[in-house]
PDB file of N, CA and C in Angstrom:
ATOM      1  N   MET A   1     116.708 184.029  78.275  1.00  0.00           N
ATOM      2  CA  MET A   1     116.110 185.203  77.845  1.00  0.00           C
ATOM      3  C   MET A   1     115.829 186.149  79.068  1.00  0.00           C
ATOM      4  N   SER A   2     116.158 187.387  78.931  1.00  0.00           N
ATOM      5  CA  SER A   2     115.963 188.251  80.082  1.00  0.00           C
ATOM      6  C   SER A   2     114.463 188.719  80.158  1.00  0.00           C
ATOM      7  N   SER A   3     114.235 189.809  80.709  1.00  0.00           N
ATOM      8  CA  SER A   3     112.814 190.219  80.993  1.00  0.00           C
ATOM      9  C   SER A   3     112.260 191.129  79.929  1.00  0.00           C
ATOM     10  N   LYS A   4     112.940 191.352  78.792  1.00  0.00           N
ATOM     11  CA  LYS A   4     112.387 192.212  77.795  1.00  0.00           C
ATOM     12  C   LYS A   4     111.296 191.552  76.997  1.00  0.00           C
ATOM     13  N   GLY A   5     111.287 190.221  76.929  1.00  0.00           N
ATOM     14  CA  GLY A   5     110.229 189.535  76.249  1.00  0.00           C
ATOM     15  C   GLY A   5     110.147 189.749  74.730  1.00  0.00           C
ATOM     16  N   PHE A   6     108.934 189.704  74.235  1.00  0.00           N
ATOM     17  CA  PHE A   6     108.730 189.874  72.758  1.00  0.00           C
ATOM     18  C   PHE A   6     108.031 191.222  72.499  1.00  0.00           C
ATOM     19  N   GLY A   7     108.339 191.774  71.339  1.00  0.00           N
ATOM     20  CA  GLY A   7     107.620 193.007  70.861  1.00  0.00           C
ATOM     21  C   GLY A   7     106.235 192.588  70.418  1.00  0.00           C
ATOM     22  N   TYR A   8     105.426 193.634  70.151  1.00  0.00           N
ATOM     23  CA  TYR A   8     104.068 193.387  69.657  1.00  0.00           C
ATOM     24  C   TYR A   8     104.090 192.635  68.327  1.00  0.00           C
ATOM     25  N   CYS A   9     105.092 192.848  67.583  1.00  0.00           N
ATOM     26  CA  CYS A   9     105.231 192.273  66.236  1.00  0.00           C
ATOM     27  C   CYS A   9     105.808 190.867  66.310  1.00  0.00           C
ATOM     28  N   GLY A  10     106.310 190.493  67.423  1.00  0.00           N
ATOM     29  CA  GLY A  10     107.012 189.125  67.549  1.00  0.00           C
ATOM     30  C   GLY A  10     108.477 189.215  67.641  1.00  0.00           C
ATOM     31  N   LEU A  11     109.104 190.343  67.558  1.00  0.00           N
ATOM     32  CA  LEU A  11     110.568 190.518  67.644  1.00  0.00           C
ATOM     33  C   LEU A  11     110.935 190.052  69.029  1.00  0.00           C
ATOM     34  N   ALA A  12     112.043 189.332  69.137  1.00  0.00           N
ATOM     35  CA  ALA A  12     112.574 188.890  70.412  1.00  0.00           C
ATOM     36  C   ALA A  12     113.480 189.982  70.999  1.00  0.00           C
ATOM     37  N   CYS A  13     112.910 190.847  71.784  1.00  0.00           N
ATOM     38  CA  CYS A  13     113.627 192.077  72.313  1.00  0.00           C
ATOM     39  C   CYS A  13     114.912 191.614  73.030  1.00  0.00           C
ATOM     40  N   ASP A  14     114.892 190.492  73.738  1.00  0.00           N
ATOM     41  CA  ASP A  14     116.026 190.080  74.448  1.00  0.00           C
ATOM     42  C   ASP A  14     117.315 189.822  73.644  1.00  0.00           C
ATOM     43  N   TYR A  15     117.101 189.486  72.358  1.00  0.00           N
ATOM     44  CA  TYR A  15     118.274 189.209  71.488  1.00  0.00           C
ATOM     45  C   TYR A  15     118.672 190.420  70.731  1.00  0.00           C
ATOM     46  N   CYS A  16     118.001 191.512  70.791  1.00  0.00           N
ATOM     47  CA  CYS A  16     118.328 192.751  70.042  1.00  0.00           C
ATOM     48  C   CYS A  16     119.494 193.419  70.808  1.00  0.00           C
ATOM     49  N   GLN A  17     120.499 193.798  70.079  1.00  0.00           N
ATOM     50  CA  GLN A  17     121.730 194.429  70.633  1.00  0.00           C
ATOM     51  C   GLN A  17     121.781 195.908  70.247  1.00  0.00           C
ATOM     52  N   ASP A  18     120.766 196.424  69.691  1.00  0.00           N
ATOM     53  CA  ASP A  18     120.775 197.860  69.197  1.00  0.00           C
ATOM     54  C   ASP A  18     121.009 198.854  70.343  1.00  0.00           C
ATOM     55  N   ASN A  19     120.298 198.697  71.484  1.00  0.00           N
ATOM     56  CA  ASN A  19     120.295 199.633  72.521  1.00  0.00           C
ATOM     57  C   ASN A  19     120.387 198.852  73.845  1.00  0.00           C
ATOM     58  N   PRO A  20     121.539 198.770  74.480  1.00  0.00           N
ATOM     59  CA  PRO A  20     121.671 197.997  75.695  1.00  0.00           C
ATOM     60  C   PRO A  20     120.847 198.513  76.854  1.00  0.00           C
ATOM     61  N   ASN A  21     120.412 199.782  76.739  1.00  0.00           N
ATOM     62  CA  ASN A  21     119.599 200.389  77.861  1.00  0.00           C
ATOM     63  C   ASN A  21     118.091 200.211  77.641  1.00  0.00           C
ATOM     64  N   CYS A  22     117.706 199.597  76.522  1.00  0.00           N
ATOM     65  CA  CYS A  22     116.315 199.379  76.191  1.00  0.00           C
ATOM     66  C   CYS A  22     115.788 198.343  77.111  1.00  0.00           C
ATOM     67  N   VAL A  23     114.562 198.627  77.649  1.00  0.00           N
ATOM     68  CA  VAL A  23     113.850 197.679  78.560  1.00  0.00           C
ATOM     69  C   VAL A  23     112.876 196.802  77.806  1.00  0.00           C
ATOM     70  N   GLY A  24     112.744 196.947  76.491  1.00  0.00           N
ATOM     71  CA  GLY A  24     111.823 196.129  75.715  1.00  0.00           C
ATOM     72  C   GLY A  24     110.686 197.030  75.158  1.00  0.00           C
ATOM     73  N   CYS A  25     110.179 196.583  74.040  1.00  0.00           N
ATOM     74  CA  CYS A  25     109.153 197.296  73.350  1.00  0.00           C
ATOM     75  C   CYS A  25     107.893 197.459  74.193  1.00  0.00           C
ATOM     76  N   LYS A  26     107.462 196.375  74.849  1.00  0.00           N
ATOM     77  CA  LYS A  26     106.169 196.451  75.627  1.00  0.00           C
ATOM     78  C   LYS A  26     106.306 197.263  76.897  1.00  0.00           C
ATOM     79  N   LYS A  27     107.546 197.595  77.246  1.00  0.00           N
ATOM     80  CA  LYS A  27     107.753 198.458  78.423  1.00  0.00           C
ATOM     81  C   LYS A  27     108.074 199.867  78.005  1.00  0.00           C
ATOM     82  N   GLY A  28     107.811 200.182  76.765  1.00  0.00           N
ATOM     83  CA  GLY A  28     108.048 201.518  76.202  1.00  0.00           C
ATOM     84  C   GLY A  28     109.437 201.889  75.900  1.00  0.00           C
ATOM     85  N   GLY A  29     110.321 200.874  75.807  1.00  0.00           N
ATOM     86  CA  GLY A  29     111.741 201.061  75.701  1.00  0.00           C
ATOM     87  C   GLY A  29     112.200 201.320  74.224  1.00  0.00           C
ATOM     88  N   CYS A  30     111.445 200.894  73.324  1.00  0.00           N
ATOM     89  CA  CYS A  30     111.929 200.952  71.889  1.00  0.00           C
ATOM     90  C   CYS A  30     112.142 202.427  71.477  1.00  0.00           C
ATOM     91  N   PRO A  31     113.326 202.805  71.011  1.00  0.00           N
ATOM     92  CA  PRO A  31     113.505 204.135  70.536  1.00  0.00           C
ATOM     93  C   PRO A  31     112.775 204.485  69.248  1.00  0.00           C
ATOM     94  N   GLU A  32     112.224 203.464  68.595  1.00  0.00           N
ATOM     95  CA  GLU A  32     111.485 203.696  67.343  1.00  0.00           C
ATOM     96  C   GLU A  32     109.930 203.670  67.578  1.00  0.00           C
ATOM     97  N   LYS A  33     109.515 203.682  68.837  1.00  0.00           N
ATOM     98  CA  LYS A  33     108.119 203.478  69.132  1.00  0.00           C
ATOM     99  C   LYS A  33     107.190 204.558  68.489  1.00  0.00           C
ATOM    100  N   GLU A  34     107.685 205.804  68.414  1.00  0.00           N
ATOM    101  CA  GLU A  34     106.816 206.873  67.779  1.00  0.00           C
ATOM    102  C   GLU A  34     106.600 206.668  66.370  1.00  0.00           C
ATOM    103  N   ALA A  35     107.482 206.026  65.613  1.00  0.00           N
ATOM    104  CA  ALA A  35     107.401 205.770  64.259  1.00  0.00           C
ATOM    105  C   ALA A  35     106.869 204.392  63.902  1.00  0.00           C
ATOM    106  N   CYS A  36     106.797 203.489  64.916  1.00  0.00           N
ATOM    107  CA  CYS A  36     106.418 202.099  64.609  1.00  0.00           C
ATOM    108  C   CYS A  36     104.969 201.904  64.539  1.00  0.00           C
ATOM    109  N   LYS A  37     104.520 201.569  63.388  1.00  0.00           N
ATOM    110  CA  LYS A  37     103.048 201.317  63.164  1.00  0.00           C
ATOM    111  C   LYS A  37     102.606 200.250  64.099  1.00  0.00           C
ATOM    112  N   ASN A  38     103.270 199.163  64.293  1.00  0.00           N
ATOM    113  CA  ASN A  38     102.892 198.045  65.105  1.00  0.00           C
ATOM    114  C   ASN A  38     102.746 198.440  66.595  1.00  0.00           C
ATOM    115  N   TYR A  39     103.693 199.220  67.061  1.00  0.00           N
ATOM    116  CA  TYR A  39     103.635 199.692  68.422  1.00  0.00           C
ATOM    117  C   TYR A  39     102.423 200.623  68.637  1.00  0.00           C
ATOM    118  N   GLN A  40     102.313 201.521  67.696  1.00  0.00           N
ATOM    119  CA  GLN A  40     101.165 202.529  67.787  1.00  0.00           C
ATOM    120  C   GLN A  40      99.818 201.808  67.741  1.00  0.00           C
ATOM    121  N   CYS A  41      99.679 200.861  66.830  1.00  0.00           N
ATOM    122  CA  CYS A  41      98.436 200.144  66.660  1.00  0.00           C
ATOM    123  C   CYS A  41      98.091 199.349  67.933  1.00  0.00           C
ATOM    124  N   CYS A  42      99.031 198.535  68.314  1.00  0.00           N
ATOM    125  CA  CYS A  42      98.797 197.626  69.473  1.00  0.00           C
ATOM    126  C   CYS A  42      98.578 198.411  70.762  1.00  0.00           C
ATOM    127  N   THR A  43      99.274 199.395  71.046  1.00  0.00           N
ATOM    128  CA  THR A  43      99.033 200.220  72.251  1.00  0.00           C
ATOM    129  C   THR A  43      97.721 200.954  72.216  1.00  0.00           C
ATOM    130  N   SER A  44      97.362 201.485  71.034  1.00  0.00           N
ATOM    131  CA  SER A  44      96.099 202.156  71.049  1.00  0.00           C
ATOM    132  C   SER A  44      94.850 201.266  71.108  1.00  0.00           C
ATOM    133  N   LYS A  45      95.032 200.001  70.764  1.00  0.00           N
ATOM    134  CA  LYS A  45      93.956 199.031  70.769  1.00  0.00           C
ATOM    135  C   LYS A  45      94.047 198.020  71.848  1.00  0.00           C
ATOM    136  N   ASN A  46      95.024 198.217  72.698  1.00  0.00           N
ATOM    137  CA  ASN A  46      95.304 197.258  73.824  1.00  0.00           C
ATOM    138  C   ASN A  46      95.468 195.778  73.403  1.00  0.00           C
ATOM    139  N   TYR A  47      96.156 195.624  72.224  1.00  0.00           N
ATOM    140  CA  TYR A  47      96.574 194.293  71.847  1.00  0.00           C
ATOM    141  C   TYR A  47      97.839 193.890  72.393  1.00  0.00           C
ATOM    142  N   LYS A  48      97.973 192.617  72.790  1.00  0.00           N
ATOM    143  CA  LYS A  48      99.224 192.148  73.277  1.00  0.00           C
ATOM    144  C   LYS A  48     100.210 191.802  72.158  1.00  0.00           C
ATOM    145  N   TYR A  49      99.596 191.356  70.974  1.00  0.00           N
ATOM    146  CA  TYR A  49     100.366 191.029  69.778  1.00  0.00           C
ATOM    147  C   TYR A  49      99.638 191.512  68.552  1.00  0.00           C
ATOM    148  N   CYS A  50     100.343 191.720  67.506  1.00  0.00           N
ATOM    149  CA  CYS A  50      99.829 192.129  66.220  1.00  0.00           C
ATOM    150  C   CYS A  50      98.738 191.130  65.714  1.00  0.00           C
ATOM    151  N   PHE A  51      98.924 189.866  65.990  1.00  0.00           N
ATOM    152  CA  PHE A  51      97.975 188.893  65.432  1.00  0.00           C
ATOM    153  C   PHE A  51      96.599 189.013  65.954  1.00  0.00           C
ATOM    154  N   GLU A  52      96.405 189.775  66.999  1.00  0.00           N
ATOM    155  CA  GLU A  52      95.085 190.036  67.566  1.00  0.00           C
ATOM    156  C   GLU A  52      94.254 191.004  66.649  1.00  0.00           C
ATOM    157  N   CYS A  53      94.935 191.696  65.862  1.00  0.00           N
ATOM    158  CA  CYS A  53      94.302 192.690  64.947  1.00  0.00           C
ATOM    159  C   CYS A  53      93.636 191.984  63.714  1.00  0.00           C
ATOM    160  N   PRO A  54      92.406 192.398  63.359  1.00  0.00           N
ATOM    161  CA  PRO A  54      91.839 191.764  62.198  1.00  0.00           C
ATOM    162  C   PRO A  54      92.578 192.058  60.946  1.00  0.00           C
ATOM    163  N   ASP A  55      93.431 193.008  60.866  1.00  0.00           N
ATOM    164  CA  ASP A  55      94.179 193.410  59.661  1.00  0.00           C
ATOM    165  C   ASP A  55      95.513 192.698  59.562  1.00  0.00           C
ATOM    166  N   PHE A  56      95.852 191.789  60.530  1.00  0.00           N
ATOM    167  CA  PHE A  56      97.148 191.120  60.577  1.00  0.00           C
ATOM    168  C   PHE A  56      97.166 190.114  59.402  1.00  0.00           C
ATOM    169  N   PRO A  57      98.325 190.102  58.712  1.00  0.00           N
ATOM    170  CA  PRO A  57      99.469 190.955  58.910  1.00  0.00           C
ATOM    171  C   PRO A  57      99.385 192.204  57.958  1.00  0.00           C
ATOM    172  N   CYS A  58      99.541 193.333  58.524  1.00  0.00           N
ATOM    173  CA  CYS A  58      99.519 194.565  57.667  1.00  0.00           C
ATOM    174  C   CYS A  58     100.837 194.651  56.935  1.00  0.00           C
ATOM    175  N   GLU A  59     100.660 194.907  55.652  1.00  0.00           N
ATOM    176  CA  GLU A  59     101.850 194.913  54.764  1.00  0.00           C
ATOM    177  C   GLU A  59     102.704 196.179  54.863  1.00  0.00           C
ATOM    178  N   ASP A  60     102.186 197.279  55.376  1.00  0.00           N
ATOM    179  CA  ASP A  60     102.886 198.510  55.375  1.00  0.00           C
ATOM    180  C   ASP A  60     103.519 198.744  56.765  1.00  0.00           C
ATOM    181  N   SER A  61     104.067 197.636  57.342  1.00  0.00           N
ATOM    182  CA  SER A  61     104.717 197.671  58.625  1.00  0.00           C
ATOM    183  C   SER A  61     105.907 196.722  58.605  1.00  0.00           C
ATOM    184  N   ILE A  62     106.498 196.490  59.753  1.00  0.00           N
ATOM    185  CA  ILE A  62     107.611 195.569  59.842  1.00  0.00           C
ATOM    186  C   ILE A  62     107.221 194.138  59.514  1.00  0.00           C
ATOM    187  N   LEU A  63     105.906 193.836  59.538  1.00  0.00           N
ATOM    188  CA  LEU A  63     105.389 192.481  59.384  1.00  0.00           C
ATOM    189  C   LEU A  63     105.576 192.072  57.863  1.00  0.00           C
ATOM    190  N   HIS A  64     105.978 192.966  56.972  1.00  0.00           N
ATOM    191  CA  HIS A  64     106.229 192.587  55.638  1.00  0.00           C
ATOM    192  C   HIS A  64     107.426 191.644  55.513  1.00  0.00           C
ATOM    193  N   LYS A  65     108.290 191.754  56.576  1.00  0.00           N
ATOM    194  CA  LYS A  65     109.494 190.815  56.675  1.00  0.00           C
ATOM    195  C   LYS A  65     109.079 189.456  57.081  1.00  0.00           C
ATOM    196  N   LEU A  66     109.424 188.395  56.310  1.00  0.00           N
ATOM    197  CA  LEU A  66     108.962 187.087  56.598  1.00  0.00           C
ATOM    198  C   LEU A  66     109.299 186.628  58.018  1.00  0.00           C
ATOM    199  N   ARG A  67     110.472 186.701  58.437  1.00  0.00           N
ATOM    200  CA  ARG A  67     110.902 186.266  59.731  1.00  0.00           C
ATOM    201  C   ARG A  67     110.104 186.847  60.892  1.00  0.00           C
ATOM    202  N   ILE A  68     109.856 188.127  60.802  1.00  0.00           N
ATOM    203  CA  ILE A  68     109.111 188.843  61.882  1.00  0.00           C
ATOM    204  C   ILE A  68     107.704 188.338  61.879  1.00  0.00           C
ATOM    205  N   ARG A  69     107.064 188.274  60.688  1.00  0.00           N
ATOM    206  CA  ARG A  69     105.705 187.797  60.609  1.00  0.00           C
ATOM    207  C   ARG A  69     105.543 186.405  61.165  1.00  0.00           C
ATOM    208  N   ILE A  70     106.520 185.509  60.783  1.00  0.00           N
ATOM    209  CA  ILE A  70     106.462 184.120  61.218  1.00  0.00           C
ATOM    210  C   ILE A  70     106.712 184.038  62.711  1.00  0.00           C
ATOM    211  N   PHE A  71     107.547 184.880  63.350  1.00  0.00           N
ATOM    212  CA  PHE A  71     107.704 184.787  64.727  1.00  0.00           C
ATOM    213  C   PHE A  71     106.452 185.155  65.447  1.00  0.00           C
ATOM    214  N   CYS A  72     105.704 186.180  64.976  1.00  0.00           N
ATOM    215  CA  CYS A  72     104.444 186.542  65.578  1.00  0.00           C
ATOM    216  C   CYS A  72     103.388 185.468  65.419  1.00  0.00           C
ATOM    217  N   GLN A  73     103.345 184.862  64.216  1.00  0.00           N
ATOM    218  CA  GLN A  73     102.475 183.756  63.981  1.00  0.00           C
ATOM    219  C   GLN A  73     102.756 182.521  64.892  1.00  0.00           C
ATOM    220  N   TYR A  74     104.055 182.331  65.052  1.00  0.00           N
ATOM    221  CA  TYR A  74     104.538 181.184  65.908  1.00  0.00           C
ATOM    222  C   TYR A  74     104.084 181.379  67.344  1.00  0.00           C
ATOM    223  N   ILE A  75     104.162 182.609  67.795  1.00  0.00           N
ATOM    224  CA  ILE A  75     103.595 182.928  69.140  1.00  0.00           C
ATOM    225  C   ILE A  75     102.127 182.628  69.236  1.00  0.00           C
ATOM    226  N   GLN A  76     101.416 183.053  68.170  1.00  0.00           N
ATOM    227  CA  GLN A  76      99.999 182.784  68.161  1.00  0.00           C
ATOM    228  C   GLN A  76      99.666 181.303  68.211  1.00  0.00           C
ATOM    229  N   ARG A  77     100.379 180.454  67.447  1.00  0.00           N
ATOM    230  CA  ARG A  77     100.130 179.037  67.447  1.00  0.00           C
ATOM    231  C   ARG A  77     100.660 178.252  68.547  1.00  0.00           C
ATOM    232  N   TYR A  78     101.883 178.578  69.045  1.00  0.00           N
ATOM    233  CA  TYR A  78     102.537 177.740  70.020  1.00  0.00           C
ATOM    234  C   TYR A  78     102.777 178.429  71.347  1.00  0.00           C
ATOM    235  N   GLY A  79     102.689 179.713  71.384  1.00  0.00           N
ATOM    236  CA  GLY A  79     102.875 180.403  72.658  1.00  0.00           C
ATOM    237  C   GLY A  79     104.213 181.064  72.809  1.00  0.00           C
ATOM    238  N   GLU A  80     104.305 182.058  73.706  1.00  0.00           N
ATOM    239  CA  GLU A  80     105.550 182.777  74.035  1.00  0.00           C
ATOM    240  C   GLU A  80     106.548 181.835  74.578  1.00  0.00           C
ATOM    241  N   GLU A  81     106.164 181.020  75.545  1.00  0.00           N
ATOM    242  CA  GLU A  81     107.107 180.116  76.211  1.00  0.00           C
ATOM    243  C   GLU A  81     107.797 179.138  75.265  1.00  0.00           C
ATOM    244  N   ASP A  82     106.991 178.594  74.335  1.00  0.00           N
ATOM    245  CA  ASP A  82     107.641 177.674  73.402  1.00  0.00           C
ATOM    246  C   ASP A  82     108.698 178.340  72.494  1.00  0.00           C
ATOM    247  N   LEU A  83     108.363 179.589  72.046  1.00  0.00           N
ATOM    248  CA  LEU A  83     109.346 180.312  71.210  1.00  0.00           C
ATOM    249  C   LEU A  83     110.470 180.698  72.082  1.00  0.00           C
ATOM    250  N   LYS A  84     110.290 181.142  73.267  1.00  0.00           N
ATOM    251  CA  LYS A  84     111.412 181.487  74.148  1.00  0.00           C
ATOM    252  C   LYS A  84     112.315 180.333  74.364  1.00  0.00           C
ATOM    253  N   LYS A  85     111.722 179.147  74.665  1.00  0.00           N
ATOM    254  CA  LYS A  85     112.524 177.904  74.889  1.00  0.00           C
ATOM    255  C   LYS A  85     113.355 177.572  73.700  1.00  0.00           C
ATOM    256  N   HIS A  86     112.818 177.631  72.481  1.00  0.00           N
ATOM    257  CA  HIS A  86     113.580 177.254  71.275  1.00  0.00           C
ATOM    258  C   HIS A  86     114.622 178.299  71.004  1.00  0.00           C
ATOM    259  N   LEU A  87     114.369 179.618  71.202  1.00  0.00           N
ATOM    260  CA  LEU A  87     115.311 180.651  70.940  1.00  0.00           C
ATOM    261  C   LEU A  87     116.541 180.442  71.864  1.00  0.00           C
ATOM    262  N   GLU A  88     116.222 180.112  73.136  1.00  0.00           N
ATOM    263  CA  GLU A  88     117.344 179.864  74.061  1.00  0.00           C
ATOM    264  C   GLU A  88     118.172 178.643  73.685  1.00  0.00           C
ATOM    265  N   GLU A  89     117.510 177.557  73.324  1.00  0.00           N
ATOM    266  CA  GLU A  89     118.222 176.317  72.886  1.00  0.00           C
ATOM    267  C   GLU A  89     119.085 176.628  71.666  1.00  0.00           C
ATOM    268  N   ASN A  90     118.522 177.376  70.729  1.00  0.00           N
ATOM    269  CA  ASN A  90     119.254 177.645  69.496  1.00  0.00           C
ATOM    270  C   ASN A  90     120.355 178.611  69.747  1.00  0.00           C
ATOM    271  N   TYR A  91     120.182 179.539  70.623  1.00  0.00           N
ATOM    272  CA  TYR A  91     121.243 180.517  70.998  1.00  0.00           C
ATOM    273  C   TYR A  91     122.474 179.657  71.575  1.00  0.00           C
ATOM    274  N   LYS A  92     122.188 178.675  72.408  1.00  0.00           N
ATOM    275  CA  LYS A  92     123.229 177.804  72.994  1.00  0.00           C
ATOM    276  C   LYS A  92     123.931 177.000  71.842  1.00  0.00           C
ATOM    277  N   LYS A  93     123.313 176.715  70.801  1.00  0.00           N
ATOM    278  CA  LYS A  93     123.829 176.001  69.635  1.00  0.00           C
ATOM    279  C   LYS A  93     124.680 176.892  68.799  1.00  0.00           C
ATOM    280  N   GLY A  94     124.647 178.229  69.013  1.00  0.00           N
ATOM    281  CA  GLY A  94     125.372 179.135  68.228  1.00  0.00           C
ATOM    282  C   GLY A  94     124.586 179.835  67.154  1.00  0.00           C
ATOM    283  N   ILE A  95     123.217 179.690  67.186  1.00  0.00           N
ATOM    284  CA  ILE A  95     122.451 180.296  66.241  1.00  0.00           C
ATOM    285  C   ILE A  95     122.247 181.794  66.619  1.00  0.00           C
ATOM    286  N   VAL A  96     122.410 182.686  65.655  1.00  0.00           N
ATOM    287  CA  VAL A  96     122.430 184.118  65.958  1.00  0.00           C
ATOM    288  C   VAL A  96     121.106 184.747  65.550  1.00  0.00           C
ATOM    289  N   TYR A  97     120.476 185.484  66.481  1.00  0.00           N
ATOM    290  CA  TYR A  97     119.229 186.141  66.173  1.00  0.00           C
ATOM    291  C   TYR A  97     119.483 187.430  65.295  1.00  0.00           C
ATOM    292  N   HIS A  98     120.376 188.220  65.803  1.00  0.00           N
ATOM    293  CA  HIS A  98     120.829 189.397  64.975  1.00  0.00           C
ATOM    294  C   HIS A  98     122.381 189.368  64.920  1.00  0.00           C
ATOM    295  N   TYR A  99     122.888 189.494  63.690  1.00  0.00           N
ATOM    296  CA  TYR A  99     124.326 189.692  63.568  1.00  0.00           C
ATOM    297  C   TYR A  99     124.737 191.066  64.156  1.00  0.00           C
ATOM    298  N   GLN A 100     125.939 191.202  64.618  1.00  0.00           N
ATOM    299  CA  GLN A 100     126.393 192.387  65.217  1.00  0.00           C
ATOM    300  C   GLN A 100     126.150 193.551  64.229  1.00  0.00           C
ATOM    301  N   ASN A 101     125.527 194.686  64.819  1.00  0.00           N
ATOM    302  CA  ASN A 101     125.185 195.901  64.059  1.00  0.00           C
ATOM    303  C   ASN A 101     124.342 195.713  62.818  1.00  0.00           C
ATOM    304  N   LYS A 102     123.552 194.585  62.787  1.00  0.00           N
ATOM    305  CA  LYS A 102     122.612 194.325  61.664  1.00  0.00           C
ATOM    306  C   LYS A 102     121.296 193.910  62.227  1.00  0.00           C
ATOM    307  N   HIS A 103     120.235 194.023  61.405  1.00  0.00           N
ATOM    308  CA  HIS A 103     118.922 193.636  61.832  1.00  0.00           C
ATOM    309  C   HIS A 103     118.481 192.287  61.212  1.00  0.00           C
ATOM    310  N   ILE A 104     119.516 191.533  60.781  1.00  0.00           N
ATOM    311  CA  ILE A 104     119.255 190.190  60.290  1.00  0.00           C
ATOM    312  C   ILE A 104     120.167 189.215  61.018  1.00  0.00           C
ATOM    313  N   GLY A 105     119.757 187.982  60.934  1.00  0.00           N
ATOM    314  CA  GLY A 105     120.530 186.915  61.551  1.00  0.00           C
ATOM    315  C   GLY A 105     120.310 185.602  60.894  1.00  0.00           C
ATOM    316  N   ASP A 106     120.529 184.490  61.549  1.00  0.00           N
ATOM    317  CA  ASP A 106     120.421 183.187  60.995  1.00  0.00           C
ATOM    318  C   ASP A 106     118.955 182.872  60.648  1.00  0.00           C
ATOM    319  N   TYR A 107     117.999 183.431  61.376  1.00  0.00           N
ATOM    320  CA  TYR A 107     116.609 183.111  61.087  1.00  0.00           C
ATOM    321  C   TYR A 107     116.143 183.740  59.765  1.00  0.00           C
ATOM    322  N   ASP A 108     116.915 184.750  59.247  1.00  0.00           N
ATOM    323  CA  ASP A 108     116.558 185.409  58.024  1.00  0.00           C
ATOM    324  C   ASP A 108     116.988 184.682  56.737  1.00  0.00           C
ATOM    325  N   GLN A 109     117.582 183.527  56.797  1.00  0.00           N
ATOM    326  CA  GLN A 109     118.162 182.897  55.599  1.00  0.00           C
ATOM    327  C   GLN A 109     117.150 182.076  54.890  1.00  0.00           C
ATOM    328  N   PHE A 110     115.893 182.094  55.287  1.00  0.00           N
ATOM    329  CA  PHE A 110     114.905 181.194  54.701  1.00  0.00           C
ATOM    330  C   PHE A 110     113.879 181.953  53.802  1.00  0.00           C
ATOM    331  N   ASP A 111     113.202 181.167  52.938  1.00  0.00           N
ATOM    332  CA  ASP A 111     112.298 181.795  52.010  1.00  0.00           C
ATOM    333  C   ASP A 111     110.798 181.373  52.310  1.00  0.00           C
ATOM    334  N   THR A 112     110.558 180.450  53.205  1.00  0.00           N
ATOM    335  CA  THR A 112     109.242 180.015  53.466  1.00  0.00           C
ATOM    336  C   THR A 112     108.953 179.901  54.938  1.00  0.00           C
ATOM    337  N   GLU A 113     107.714 179.987  55.228  1.00  0.00           N
ATOM    338  CA  GLU A 113     107.208 179.848  56.667  1.00  0.00           C
ATOM    339  C   GLU A 113     107.643 178.536  57.228  1.00  0.00           C
ATOM    340  N   ASN A 114     107.446 177.414  56.538  1.00  0.00           N
ATOM    341  CA  ASN A 114     107.879 176.126  56.993  1.00  0.00           C
ATOM    342  C   ASN A 114     109.320 175.997  57.353  1.00  0.00           C
ATOM    343  N   GLU A 115     110.170 176.532  56.525  1.00  0.00           N
ATOM    344  CA  GLU A 115     111.617 176.570  56.770  1.00  0.00           C
ATOM    345  C   GLU A 115     111.997 177.295  58.031  1.00  0.00           C
ATOM    346  N   ILE A 116     111.344 178.411  58.299  1.00  0.00           N
ATOM    347  CA  ILE A 116     111.620 179.173  59.504  1.00  0.00           C
ATOM    348  C   ILE A 116     111.143 178.420  60.748  1.00  0.00           C
ATOM    349  N   ILE A 117     109.920 177.843  60.675  1.00  0.00           N
ATOM    350  CA  ILE A 117     109.335 177.121  61.762  1.00  0.00           C
ATOM    351  C   ILE A 117     110.210 175.946  62.112  1.00  0.00           C
ATOM    352  N   GLU A 118     110.633 175.231  61.092  1.00  0.00           N
ATOM    353  CA  GLU A 118     111.497 174.058  61.271  1.00  0.00           C
ATOM    354  C   GLU A 118     112.844 174.466  61.932  1.00  0.00           C
ATOM    355  N   PHE A 119     113.377 175.595  61.473  1.00  0.00           N
ATOM    356  CA  PHE A 119     114.610 176.086  62.070  1.00  0.00           C
ATOM    357  C   PHE A 119     114.410 176.472  63.552  1.00  0.00           C
ATOM    358  N   ILE A 120     113.279 177.168  63.835  1.00  0.00           N
ATOM    359  CA  ILE A 120     113.013 177.510  65.228  1.00  0.00           C
ATOM    360  C   ILE A 120     112.948 176.229  66.091  1.00  0.00           C
ATOM    361  N   LYS A 121     112.260 175.257  65.604  1.00  0.00           N
ATOM    362  CA  LYS A 121     112.035 174.040  66.453  1.00  0.00           C
ATOM    363  C   LYS A 121     113.216 173.178  66.557  1.00  0.00           C
ATOM    364  N   ASN A 122     114.052 173.123  65.499  1.00  0.00           N
ATOM    365  CA  ASN A 122     115.181 172.092  65.476  1.00  0.00           C
ATOM    366  C   ASN A 122     116.539 172.728  65.472  1.00  0.00           C
ATOM    367  N   GLY A 123     116.638 174.044  65.216  1.00  0.00           N
ATOM    368  CA  GLY A 123     117.927 174.665  65.176  1.00  0.00           C
ATOM    369  C   GLY A 123     118.764 174.272  63.957  1.00  0.00           C
ATOM    370  N   ARG A 124     118.060 173.734  62.953  1.00  0.00           N
ATOM    371  CA  ARG A 124     118.813 173.342  61.671  1.00  0.00           C
ATOM    372  C   ARG A 124     117.822 173.320  60.563  1.00  0.00           C
ATOM    373  N   LYS A 125     118.341 173.321  59.352  1.00  0.00           N
ATOM    374  CA  LYS A 125     117.454 173.273  58.179  1.00  0.00           C
ATOM    375  C   LYS A 125     116.846 171.895  58.002  1.00  0.00           C
TER     376      LYS A 125
END
């Protein structure tokens, strides 16, 4: 994982291919930051992650997507380094975070929190 880290919502900025010049959400690099409720909320309240907010998970934001919400909760429970380690291991196994030109990937194929967490930890269903 490069130095982009994770977004406020838990997105893994290092695996996003949308904008190669982006330096990461927390470094102000996201082109959607003006319209992103999560970015605006966290920066105005000095939160490092959305889970610090008493309204987490807010439904009228990107957190309505299961994978994104679970990534944020995963960081809350296990920490950034644990998620980073598993994403790197899974990437080496061929697991794709985002398919080319899409905002979905292998982590989006699940219907429950437990399935996603199991996939993060083990790289398989």
